[in-house]
N, C-alpha and C. Protein backbone atom coordinates (compact mmCIF):
# COMPACT_ATOMS: atom_id res chain seq x y z
N MET A 1 0.82 -1.19 0.00
CA MET A 1 0.00 0.00 0.00
C MET A 1 0.87 1.26 0.00
N TYR A 2 1.94 1.27 0.83
CA TYR A 2 2.81 2.43 0.88
C TYR A 2 3.58 2.59 -0.43
N LEU A 3 3.94 1.47 -1.05
CA LEU A 3 4.66 1.53 -2.32
C LEU A 3 3.80 2.20 -3.39
N ILE A 4 2.54 1.82 -3.47
CA ILE A 4 1.64 2.42 -4.45
C ILE A 4 1.51 3.91 -4.21
N GLY A 5 1.36 4.30 -2.96
CA GLY A 5 1.26 5.72 -2.63
C GLY A 5 2.52 6.48 -3.02
N ALA A 6 3.68 5.89 -2.78
CA ALA A 6 4.94 6.52 -3.15
C ALA A 6 5.06 6.67 -4.66
N VAL A 7 4.65 5.63 -5.40
CA VAL A 7 4.70 5.69 -6.86
C VAL A 7 3.75 6.77 -7.38
N GLU A 8 2.59 6.90 -6.77
CA GLU A 8 1.65 7.94 -7.19
C GLU A 8 2.20 9.33 -6.93
N VAL A 9 2.86 9.52 -5.80
CA VAL A 9 3.46 10.83 -5.49
C VAL A 9 4.57 11.16 -6.48
N VAL A 10 5.44 10.19 -6.75
CA VAL A 10 6.51 10.42 -7.73
C VAL A 10 5.91 10.71 -9.11
N GLY A 11 4.87 9.99 -9.48
CA GLY A 11 4.20 10.26 -10.76
C GLY A 11 3.59 11.65 -10.80
N GLY A 12 3.01 12.08 -9.70
CA GLY A 12 2.45 13.42 -9.64
C GLY A 12 3.51 14.49 -9.78
N ILE A 13 4.65 14.27 -9.14
CA ILE A 13 5.77 15.21 -9.29
C ILE A 13 6.27 15.19 -10.73
N GLY A 14 6.31 14.00 -11.32
CA GLY A 14 6.72 13.88 -12.72
C GLY A 14 5.80 14.62 -13.67
N LEU A 15 4.52 14.70 -13.34
CA LEU A 15 3.59 15.46 -14.18
C LEU A 15 3.89 16.95 -14.17
N ILE A 16 4.47 17.44 -13.08
CA ILE A 16 4.78 18.86 -12.97
C ILE A 16 6.02 19.23 -13.77
N ILE A 17 6.97 18.30 -13.86
CA ILE A 17 8.22 18.55 -14.57
C ILE A 17 7.98 18.32 -16.06
N GLN A 18 8.15 19.37 -16.85
CA GLN A 18 7.80 19.33 -18.28
C GLN A 18 8.48 18.18 -19.02
N ARG A 19 9.75 17.94 -18.74
CA ARG A 19 10.50 16.92 -19.47
C ARG A 19 9.95 15.51 -19.24
N PHE A 20 9.42 15.25 -18.04
CA PHE A 20 8.95 13.92 -17.68
C PHE A 20 7.43 13.80 -17.66
N SER A 21 6.73 14.84 -18.03
CA SER A 21 5.28 14.89 -17.88
C SER A 21 4.56 13.78 -18.65
N ALA A 22 4.90 13.60 -19.90
CA ALA A 22 4.22 12.58 -20.71
C ALA A 22 4.55 11.17 -20.23
N ALA A 23 5.81 10.93 -19.86
CA ALA A 23 6.19 9.61 -19.36
C ALA A 23 5.50 9.31 -18.03
N ALA A 24 5.39 10.33 -17.18
CA ALA A 24 4.68 10.14 -15.91
C ALA A 24 3.21 9.87 -16.15
N GLY A 25 2.62 10.53 -17.13
CA GLY A 25 1.23 10.27 -17.48
C GLY A 25 1.02 8.83 -17.94
N ALA A 26 1.94 8.33 -18.74
CA ALA A 26 1.84 6.94 -19.21
C ALA A 26 1.97 5.96 -18.05
N ALA A 27 2.93 6.22 -17.16
CA ALA A 27 3.12 5.34 -16.02
C ALA A 27 1.91 5.35 -15.09
N LEU A 28 1.37 6.52 -14.85
CA LEU A 28 0.18 6.60 -13.99
C LEU A 28 -1.03 5.94 -14.65
N ALA A 29 -1.16 6.08 -15.96
CA ALA A 29 -2.28 5.43 -16.65
C ALA A 29 -2.18 3.91 -16.52
N LEU A 30 -0.98 3.37 -16.66
CA LEU A 30 -0.80 1.92 -16.50
C LEU A 30 -1.13 1.48 -15.08
N MET A 31 -0.72 2.29 -14.12
CA MET A 31 -1.01 1.93 -12.73
C MET A 31 -2.51 2.00 -12.44
N MET A 32 -3.20 2.93 -13.06
CA MET A 32 -4.63 3.08 -12.81
C MET A 32 -5.44 1.91 -13.40
N ILE A 33 -4.89 1.21 -14.37
CA ILE A 33 -5.57 0.02 -14.88
C ILE A 33 -5.73 -0.99 -13.75
N GLY A 34 -4.69 -1.17 -12.96
CA GLY A 34 -4.77 -2.07 -11.80
C GLY A 34 -5.78 -1.57 -10.78
N ALA A 35 -5.81 -0.26 -10.56
CA ALA A 35 -6.76 0.31 -9.60
C ALA A 35 -8.20 0.10 -10.08
N ILE A 36 -8.43 0.28 -11.37
CA ILE A 36 -9.77 0.08 -11.93
C ILE A 36 -10.20 -1.37 -11.74
N GLY A 37 -9.30 -2.29 -12.04
CA GLY A 37 -9.62 -3.71 -11.85
C GLY A 37 -9.94 -4.05 -10.40
N THR A 38 -9.17 -3.49 -9.49
CA THR A 38 -9.41 -3.73 -8.06
C THR A 38 -10.77 -3.20 -7.63
N HIS A 39 -11.13 -2.00 -8.10
CA HIS A 39 -12.42 -1.41 -7.72
C HIS A 39 -13.60 -2.18 -8.32
N VAL A 40 -13.42 -2.74 -9.51
CA VAL A 40 -14.48 -3.56 -10.11
C VAL A 40 -14.65 -4.85 -9.30
N ILE A 41 -13.55 -5.51 -8.96
CA ILE A 41 -13.62 -6.77 -8.21
C ILE A 41 -14.30 -6.58 -6.86
N HIS A 42 -14.02 -5.47 -6.19
CA HIS A 42 -14.56 -5.23 -4.86
C HIS A 42 -15.84 -4.39 -4.87
N SER A 43 -16.39 -4.15 -6.05
CA SER A 43 -17.64 -3.39 -6.22
C SER A 43 -17.59 -2.02 -5.54
N GLU A 44 -16.49 -1.33 -5.68
CA GLU A 44 -16.33 0.02 -5.14
C GLU A 44 -16.61 1.02 -6.26
N TRP A 45 -17.87 1.27 -6.52
CA TRP A 45 -18.28 2.02 -7.70
C TRP A 45 -17.89 3.49 -7.65
N GLY A 46 -17.96 4.10 -6.49
CA GLY A 46 -17.54 5.50 -6.38
C GLY A 46 -16.06 5.69 -6.68
N MET A 47 -15.25 4.81 -6.11
CA MET A 47 -13.81 4.88 -6.36
C MET A 47 -13.47 4.47 -7.79
N LEU A 48 -14.32 3.63 -8.39
CA LEU A 48 -14.12 3.25 -9.78
C LEU A 48 -14.23 4.46 -10.69
N VAL A 49 -15.20 5.32 -10.41
CA VAL A 49 -15.37 6.53 -11.21
C VAL A 49 -14.13 7.42 -11.07
N ALA A 50 -13.65 7.60 -9.85
CA ALA A 50 -12.46 8.43 -9.63
C ALA A 50 -11.24 7.84 -10.34
N ALA A 51 -11.02 6.54 -10.21
CA ALA A 51 -9.88 5.89 -10.85
C ALA A 51 -9.98 5.97 -12.37
N SER A 52 -11.19 5.84 -12.90
CA SER A 52 -11.39 5.93 -14.35
C SER A 52 -11.08 7.32 -14.87
N LEU A 53 -11.48 8.35 -14.13
CA LEU A 53 -11.19 9.72 -14.55
C LEU A 53 -9.69 10.00 -14.51
N ILE A 54 -9.02 9.53 -13.47
CA ILE A 54 -7.57 9.71 -13.39
C ILE A 54 -6.88 8.96 -14.52
N PHE A 55 -7.37 7.75 -14.83
CA PHE A 55 -6.82 6.98 -15.94
C PHE A 55 -6.97 7.75 -17.26
N LEU A 56 -8.16 8.29 -17.50
CA LEU A 56 -8.40 9.00 -18.76
C LEU A 56 -7.52 10.24 -18.88
N MET A 57 -7.41 11.01 -17.82
CA MET A 57 -6.57 12.22 -17.87
C MET A 57 -5.10 11.87 -18.06
N SER A 58 -4.63 10.83 -17.39
CA SER A 58 -3.24 10.41 -17.53
C SER A 58 -2.97 9.87 -18.93
N ALA A 59 -3.89 9.10 -19.45
CA ALA A 59 -3.72 8.53 -20.79
C ALA A 59 -3.72 9.63 -21.86
N VAL A 60 -4.57 10.62 -21.69
CA VAL A 60 -4.60 11.74 -22.64
C VAL A 60 -3.29 12.50 -22.59
N ARG A 61 -2.76 12.75 -21.39
CA ARG A 61 -1.48 13.45 -21.27
C ARG A 61 -0.36 12.64 -21.93
N ALA A 62 -0.37 11.35 -21.72
CA ALA A 62 0.66 10.50 -22.33
C ALA A 62 0.53 10.51 -23.86
N TYR A 63 -0.70 10.46 -24.37
CA TYR A 63 -0.92 10.45 -25.81
C TYR A 63 -0.49 11.77 -26.45
N LEU A 64 -0.85 12.87 -25.82
CA LEU A 64 -0.50 14.18 -26.38
C LEU A 64 1.00 14.45 -26.33
N GLY A 65 1.71 13.82 -25.43
CA GLY A 65 3.14 14.04 -25.32
C GLY A 65 3.98 12.88 -25.79
N TRP A 66 3.44 12.03 -26.65
CA TRP A 66 4.15 10.84 -27.07
C TRP A 66 5.49 11.16 -27.72
N GLU A 67 5.58 12.25 -28.48
CA GLU A 67 6.85 12.64 -29.10
C GLU A 67 7.88 13.00 -28.03
N ASP A 68 7.42 13.60 -26.93
CA ASP A 68 8.33 13.90 -25.82
C ASP A 68 8.90 12.63 -25.22
N VAL A 69 8.08 11.60 -25.10
CA VAL A 69 8.53 10.32 -24.55
C VAL A 69 9.56 9.69 -25.48
N ARG A 70 9.29 9.72 -26.77
CA ARG A 70 10.25 9.16 -27.73
C ARG A 70 11.58 9.90 -27.69
N THR A 71 11.53 11.22 -27.59
CA THR A 71 12.76 12.01 -27.52
C THR A 71 13.53 11.69 -26.25
N LEU A 72 12.82 11.57 -25.14
CA LEU A 72 13.48 11.25 -23.87
C LEU A 72 14.15 9.88 -23.93
N ILE A 73 13.47 8.89 -24.49
CA ILE A 73 14.05 7.55 -24.62
C ILE A 73 15.28 7.58 -25.52
N THR A 74 15.21 8.32 -26.61
CA THR A 74 16.35 8.43 -27.51
C THR A 74 17.55 9.07 -26.81
N GLN A 75 17.30 10.12 -26.04
CA GLN A 75 18.39 10.78 -25.33
C GLN A 75 19.00 9.89 -24.27
N LEU A 76 18.17 9.10 -23.59
CA LEU A 76 18.69 8.25 -22.53
C LEU A 76 19.45 7.04 -23.07
N THR A 77 19.13 6.59 -24.28
CA THR A 77 19.77 5.40 -24.83
C THR A 77 20.90 5.73 -25.80
N LYS A 78 21.10 7.01 -26.09
CA LYS A 78 22.17 7.39 -27.02
C LYS A 78 23.52 7.16 -26.35
N PRO A 79 24.43 6.49 -27.06
CA PRO A 79 25.76 6.27 -26.47
C PRO A 79 26.48 7.60 -26.26
N LYS A 80 27.21 7.68 -25.15
CA LYS A 80 27.93 8.91 -24.84
C LYS A 80 29.31 8.88 -25.49
N ALA A 81 29.74 10.04 -25.95
CA ALA A 81 31.06 10.13 -26.58
C ALA A 81 32.13 10.07 -25.50
N SER A 82 33.16 9.31 -25.75
CA SER A 82 34.24 9.21 -24.78
C SER A 82 35.29 10.27 -25.10
N LEU A 83 35.99 10.71 -24.07
CA LEU A 83 36.98 11.77 -24.22
C LEU A 83 38.31 11.21 -24.62
């Protein structure tokens, strides 16, 4: 439970930082799929609505910033020049 909360906080901070915003949105959207499934299994309909809205907003942010995610991945995987 604490791990999920920590991941959500880090994801929220990632949404604020422009460079990581789209990647954080994608990560949060993936995490919310698990939350949606949990709320359906336990018949928590009110929380299901909240989790679904968070999923939709995170997924939209990830979709709109997909080029940012690709650029970030390219920069992180580019070999560094040696001196």
